[in-house]
Protein backbone atom coordinates (compact mmCIF):
# COMPACT_ATOMS: atom_id res chain seq x y z
CA MET A 1 0.00 0.00 0.00
CA HIS A 2 0.89 3.65 -0.39
CA ILE A 3 0.19 5.36 2.95
CA ALA A 4 0.08 9.03 3.96
CA LEU A 5 0.86 9.73 7.61
CA LEU A 6 -0.57 13.10 8.66
CA SER A 7 1.83 14.31 11.32
CA ARG A 8 3.37 17.67 12.18
CA ASN A 9 6.55 16.02 13.43
CA ARG A 10 8.04 12.94 11.80
CA LYS A 11 10.49 12.60 14.72
CA LEU A 12 7.80 11.80 17.29
CA TYR A 13 7.98 8.25 18.62
CA SER A 14 4.49 7.32 17.40
CA SER A 15 5.16 8.66 13.89
CA GLN A 16 8.50 6.89 13.66
CA ARG A 17 7.01 3.60 14.83
CA LEU A 18 4.14 3.73 12.35
CA VAL A 19 6.52 4.44 9.46
CA GLU A 20 8.83 1.65 10.60
CA ALA A 21 6.00 -0.85 11.00
CA ALA A 22 4.53 -0.04 7.58
CA GLU A 23 7.87 -0.26 5.79
CA ASN A 24 8.69 -3.53 7.54
CA ARG A 25 5.50 -4.94 6.03
CA GLY A 26 6.43 -3.79 2.51
CA HIS A 27 4.41 -0.57 2.31
CA THR A 28 5.56 2.90 1.31
CA VAL A 29 4.87 5.80 3.66
CA ARG A 30 5.02 9.55 3.17
CA VAL A 31 4.89 11.78 6.24
CA VAL A 32 2.79 14.84 5.44
CA ASP A 33 2.74 17.98 7.60
CA THR A 34 -0.97 18.60 8.09
CA LEU A 35 -0.68 22.39 8.17
CA ARG A 36 1.29 22.49 4.90
CA CYS A 37 -1.57 20.89 2.96
CA TYR A 38 -3.81 23.21 0.98
CA MET A 39 -7.00 22.28 -0.78
CA ASN A 40 -8.93 22.88 -3.97
CA ILE A 41 -12.55 22.28 -3.02
CA ALA A 42 -14.17 21.54 -6.39
CA SER A 43 -17.43 19.67 -6.88
CA HIS A 44 -16.13 17.11 -9.37
CA ARG A 45 -12.43 16.79 -8.55
CA PRO A 46 -11.38 17.72 -5.01
CA LEU A 47 -7.60 18.10 -4.72
CA ILE A 48 -4.92 18.42 -2.06
CA HIS A 49 -1.61 20.14 -2.77
CA TYR A 50 1.51 19.88 -0.65
CA ARG A 51 4.78 21.74 -1.11
CA GLY A 52 3.89 22.68 -4.69
CA ALA A 53 2.71 19.25 -5.85
CA GLN A 54 -0.57 17.39 -5.90
CA LEU A 55 -1.18 14.62 -3.34
CA GLU A 56 -2.99 11.66 -4.87
CA ASN A 57 -3.09 7.89 -5.29
CA PHE A 58 -2.67 7.05 -1.62
CA ASP A 59 -4.40 3.88 -0.51
CA ALA A 60 -4.79 4.99 3.09
CA VAL A 61 -4.28 7.89 5.46
CA ILE A 62 -3.19 7.58 9.09
CA PRO A 63 -4.20 10.80 10.87
CA ARG A 64 -2.02 11.85 13.81
CA ILE A 65 -3.76 15.18 14.32
CA GLY A 66 -2.83 17.07 17.47
CA ALA A 67 -5.56 18.74 19.53
CA SER A 68 -4.28 22.23 18.70
CA VAL A 69 -4.82 21.68 14.94
CA THR A 70 -8.05 19.69 15.10
CA PHE A 71 -10.07 22.11 12.95
CA TYR A 72 -7.62 22.36 10.05
CA GLY A 73 -6.46 18.76 10.39
CA CYS A 74 -10.00 17.43 10.09
CA ALA A 75 -10.60 19.69 7.07
CA VAL A 76 -7.59 18.08 5.35
CA LEU A 77 -8.80 14.63 6.35
CA ARG A 78 -12.28 15.37 4.95
CA GLN A 79 -10.64 16.29 1.66
CA PHE A 80 -8.94 12.89 1.53
CA GLU A 81 -12.31 11.29 2.27
CA MET A 82 -13.90 13.24 -0.61
CA MET A 83 -11.13 11.90 -2.86
CA GLY A 84 -12.14 8.35 -1.91
CA THR A 85 -9.03 7.55 0.17
CA HIS A 86 -9.42 5.13 3.07
CA VAL A 87 -8.76 6.83 6.42
CA LEU A 88 -7.84 5.01 9.63
CA ASN A 89 -10.08 7.28 11.75
CA ASP A 90 -12.50 9.52 9.89
CA SER A 91 -12.91 13.25 10.43
CA VAL A 92 -16.35 13.01 12.05
CA ALA A 93 -15.13 10.51 14.65
CA ILE A 94 -12.06 12.60 15.48
CA THR A 95 -14.10 15.80 15.83
CA ARG A 96 -16.63 13.98 18.00
CA SER A 97 -14.02 12.58 20.37
CA ARG A 98 -12.12 15.89 20.64
CA ASP A 99 -15.19 17.69 21.96
CA LYS A 100 -15.07 16.53 25.59
CA LEU A 101 -18.63 17.56 26.36
CA ARG A 102 -20.16 16.08 23.21
CA SER A 103 -18.24 12.83 23.65
CA LEU A 104 -19.52 12.41 27.20
CA GLN A 105 -23.08 13.12 26.06
CA LEU A 106 -22.75 10.44 23.36
CA LEU A 107 -21.31 7.94 25.84
CA SER A 108 -24.12 8.73 28.27
CA ARG A 109 -26.69 8.08 25.55
CA LYS A 110 -25.17 4.63 25.02
CA GLY A 111 -25.43 3.86 28.74
CA ILE A 112 -21.66 3.72 29.24
CA GLY A 113 -20.41 4.42 32.78
CA LEU A 114 -19.19 7.96 33.43
CA PRO A 115 -18.22 10.10 36.42
CA VAL A 116 -21.04 12.45 37.45
CA THR A 117 -20.37 15.47 35.23
CA GLY A 118 -21.77 19.00 35.28
CA PHE A 119 -21.66 21.84 32.75
CA ALA A 120 -22.93 25.38 33.20
CA HIS A 121 -22.54 28.85 31.68
CA SER A 122 -23.71 31.33 34.29
CA PRO A 123 -21.70 32.18 37.44
CA ASP A 124 -25.06 32.35 39.26
CA ASP A 125 -25.36 28.56 38.92
CA ILE A 126 -21.97 27.61 40.38
CA HIS A 127 -23.27 26.72 43.86
CA ASP A 128 -25.90 24.33 42.53
CA LEU A 129 -23.48 22.94 39.94
CA ILE A 130 -21.07 21.89 42.70
CA LYS A 131 -23.91 20.35 44.69
CA MET A 132 -25.10 18.49 41.57
CA VAL A 133 -21.77 16.65 41.20
CA LYS A 134 -21.75 15.59 44.87
CA GLY A 135 -19.60 18.46 46.12
CA ALA A 136 -15.88 18.65 46.83
CA PRO A 137 -13.45 17.18 46.27
CA LEU A 138 -14.16 17.54 42.57
CA VAL A 139 -12.27 17.93 39.30
CA ILE A 140 -12.57 21.00 37.08
CA LYS A 141 -11.51 20.59 33.44
CA LEU A 142 -11.00 22.97 30.56
CA LEU A 143 -12.83 21.52 27.56
CA GLU A 144 -9.88 22.43 25.33
CA GLY A 145 -7.20 21.01 27.65
CA THR A 146 -4.90 18.11 26.70
CA GLN A 147 -2.32 15.92 28.45
CA GLY A 148 -3.61 16.95 31.87
CA ILE A 149 -3.23 20.69 31.20
CA GLY A 150 -6.21 22.68 32.45
CA VAL A 151 -7.29 20.02 34.98
CA VAL A 152 -7.66 21.16 38.59
CA LEU A 153 -8.56 19.24 41.74
CA ALA A 154 -10.59 21.39 44.15
CA GLU A 155 -10.58 19.89 47.63
CA THR A 156 -13.25 22.16 49.15
CA ASN A 157 -16.45 23.73 47.86
CA GLN A 158 -15.01 27.18 48.44
CA ALA A 159 -11.91 26.36 46.39
CA ALA A 160 -14.11 24.91 43.65
CA GLU A 161 -16.20 28.08 43.50
CA SER A 162 -13.08 30.24 43.24
CA VAL A 163 -11.55 28.15 40.42
CA ILE A 164 -14.82 27.97 38.47
CA GLN A 165 -15.36 31.71 38.83
CA ALA A 166 -11.81 32.35 37.61
CA PHE A 167 -12.27 30.15 34.52
CA MET A 168 -15.66 31.68 33.76
CA GLY A 169 -14.15 35.14 34.13
CA LEU A 170 -11.70 34.20 31.36
CA LYS A 171 -14.63 33.03 29.18
CA ALA A 172 -13.21 29.50 29.26
CA ASN A 173 -15.48 26.50 28.72
CA ILE A 174 -15.21 24.06 31.61
CA MET A 175 -16.87 20.99 32.99
CA VAL A 176 -16.97 19.75 36.57
CA GLN A 177 -16.69 16.08 37.53
CA GLU A 178 -16.87 14.03 40.68
CA TYR A 179 -13.47 12.98 42.00
CA ILE A 180 -13.05 9.20 41.98
CA LYS A 181 -10.94 8.96 45.13
CA GLU A 182 -10.90 5.16 45.19
CA ALA A 183 -8.96 5.12 41.90
CA GLY A 184 -5.92 6.21 43.93
CA GLY A 185 -4.50 8.49 41.25
CA ALA A 186 -4.44 5.69 38.67
CA ASP A 187 -6.29 5.12 35.43
CA ILE A 188 -6.25 2.45 32.75
CA ARG A 189 -5.45 3.13 29.10
CA CYS A 190 -7.03 0.55 26.80
CA LEU A 191 -5.80 0.53 23.21
CA VAL A 192 -8.67 -0.44 20.91
CA ILE A 193 -8.12 -1.49 17.30
CA GLY A 194 -11.24 -2.45 15.35
CA ASP A 195 -13.44 -4.35 17.78
CA LYS A 196 -10.70 -5.56 20.14
CA VAL A 197 -8.68 -4.25 23.07
CA VAL A 198 -5.20 -5.22 21.91
CA ALA A 199 -3.30 -3.83 24.93
CA ALA A 200 -3.89 -2.19 28.29
CA MET A 201 -1.69 -0.39 30.78
CA LYS A 202 -2.09 1.16 34.19
CA ARG A 203 -0.97 4.78 34.52
CA GLN A 204 -0.12 5.85 38.06
CA ALA A 205 0.17 9.50 39.04
CA ALA A 206 3.43 10.70 40.55
CA GLU A 207 3.53 11.25 44.31
CA GLY A 208 1.60 14.39 45.27
CA GLU A 209 -0.11 14.50 41.87
CA PHE A 210 -3.63 13.32 40.97
CA ARG A 211 -3.25 13.42 37.18
CA SER A 212 -1.92 10.13 35.82
CA ASN A 213 -0.81 11.46 32.41
CA LEU A 214 2.68 10.27 31.48
CA HIS A 215 3.43 13.86 30.38
CA ARG A 216 2.83 14.90 34.01
CA GLY A 217 5.40 12.44 35.38
CA GLY A 218 3.09 9.44 35.77
CA SER A 219 4.39 5.88 35.39
CA SER A 220 3.00 3.02 33.31
CA SER A 221 2.82 -0.72 33.90
CA LEU A 222 1.14 -3.78 32.46
CA ILE A 223 -2.32 -4.57 33.84
CA ARG A 224 -4.91 -7.29 33.34
CA ILE A 225 -8.33 -5.79 32.70
CA THR A 226 -11.69 -7.35 33.50
CA PRO A 227 -14.23 -8.48 30.89
CA GLU A 228 -16.40 -5.51 31.94
CA GLU A 229 -13.54 -3.06 31.37
CA ARG A 230 -12.78 -4.64 28.01
CA SER A 231 -16.40 -4.37 26.92
CA THR A 232 -16.67 -0.77 28.17
CA ALA A 233 -13.58 0.30 26.21
CA ILE A 234 -14.80 -1.30 22.98
CA ARG A 235 -18.27 0.23 23.35
CA ALA A 236 -16.75 3.67 24.03
CA ALA A 237 -14.56 3.56 20.90
CA LYS A 238 -17.52 2.37 18.85
CA ALA A 239 -19.73 5.18 20.22
CA MET A 240 -17.16 7.68 18.92
CA GLY A 241 -16.87 5.88 15.58
CA LEU A 242 -13.12 5.36 16.04
CA LYS A 243 -11.34 2.35 14.55
CA VAL A 244 -8.22 3.04 16.62
CA ALA A 245 -8.58 4.67 20.03
CA GLY A 246 -7.00 5.07 23.41
CA VAL A 247 -9.79 4.71 25.96
CA ASP A 248 -9.03 5.98 29.47
CA LEU A 249 -11.10 4.59 32.33
CA LEU A 250 -11.09 4.59 36.12
CA ARG A 251 -12.02 1.83 38.55
CA SER A 252 -14.72 3.27 40.79
CA ASN A 253 -16.89 1.78 43.52
CA HIS A 254 -19.73 1.55 41.02
CA GLY A 255 -17.76 -0.05 38.18
CA SER A 256 -15.52 1.26 35.43
CA VAL A 257 -16.12 4.83 34.26
CA ILE A 258 -14.80 6.47 31.09
CA MET A 259 -12.67 9.59 31.39
CA GLU A 260 -11.73 10.18 27.77
CA VAL A 261 -11.55 8.58 24.31
CA ASN A 262 -8.41 9.61 22.41
CA SER A 263 -8.33 9.47 18.61
CA SER A 264 -4.51 9.74 18.36
CA PRO A 265 -3.19 7.69 21.29
CA GLY A 266 0.55 7.82 21.91
CA LEU A 267 2.38 4.55 21.35
CA ARG A 268 5.52 4.94 23.47
CA GLY A 269 3.97 4.31 26.88
CA ILE A 270 1.76 1.39 25.94
CA GLU A 271 4.37 -0.35 23.77
CA GLY A 272 6.89 0.04 26.58
CA ALA A 273 4.52 -1.23 29.25
CA THR A 274 3.13 -4.18 27.30
CA GLY A 275 5.98 -5.09 24.96
CA LYS A 276 3.48 -5.32 22.11
CA ASP A 277 4.01 -4.08 18.56
CA ILE A 278 1.00 -1.75 18.56
CA ALA A 279 2.20 0.09 15.44
CA GLY A 280 2.35 -3.22 13.59
CA LEU A 281 -1.19 -4.10 14.69
CA ILE A 282 -2.43 -0.73 13.40
CA ILE A 283 -0.82 -1.36 10.00
CA GLU A 284 -2.28 -4.88 9.97
CA HIS A 285 -5.73 -3.36 10.56
CA LEU A 286 -5.18 -1.03 7.59
CA GLU A 287 -4.18 -3.95 5.39
CA LYS A 288 -7.49 -5.66 6.09
CA ASN A 289 -9.59 -2.57 5.41
CA ALA A 290 -7.90 -0.50 2.68
CA ALA A 291 -7.86 -1.75 -0.91
CA PRO A 292 -4.59 -0.84 -2.70
CA LYS A 293 -4.71 1.36 -5.82
CA ARG A 294 -2.63 0.61 -8.90
CA LYS A 295 -0.74 3.87 -9.26
CA ALA A 296 2.14 5.03 -7.08
CA PRO A 297 1.90 8.36 -5.28
CA PRO A 298 3.93 11.30 -6.64
CA ARG A 299 7.55 11.38 -5.53
CA PRO A 300 8.33 13.85 -2.70
CA GLN A 301 9.43 17.31 -3.77
CA GLY A 302 12.42 18.76 -1.96
């Protein structure tokens, strides 16, 4: 196959591993900087240009679109879809999962376990909002935050009110969630490909920290998940429409609850913790679902 990898940085571990895995299986890969693509949106022949040349004849696209470029990245991905190219995760699914509030509403509709979550606009409703999510301690999250940035643990109602008022004063969109104390600062990342959980790891927050993100100093280790957790992760990815997803869940007193569904999960932590060739499994999934074209893609310029 001829594969386009949409990535702003070819040196990132995940990008390097995907290129390596594809080439090891006999495919050709071109890393394409998402923000350098520009589009001709025509009714009969949609086109994408890149560095002065036309991009065409790719069999598949692997989108590694960062949260900060979601809007433009999904526009580029939609253009590939209009050109009839197979995409690993489609633009609608990525957009859906990136909107934290919308994704939780969709998961709720499917009956998938979630932390009690509140969302409000007016400062006049803060007191009742806190009460609605069972009071402090509680977690306040920026809807646009990533990698644990913009996530605050408020240990008292007064502290929660102050933080929420501050965010609202900055016109920031936030949501408020119950704090799952029994999780002990740990969550579980399940890597879903197709309709299977192919790997799972436990992420443990660093001492004195409640966020388990590896970017925040958390550690990762192999974990055996329960059939319920496996089913929950698969259902969550399916609710988003994602073929490849990193599903983050917590173990609570009332079962597993979903924290987030990630459309571009990092590979370093989970490959290191599990010893599995996740990149290879992703390419294998592409092989089963993307039909190769006859022509080769244009040679890179420059």
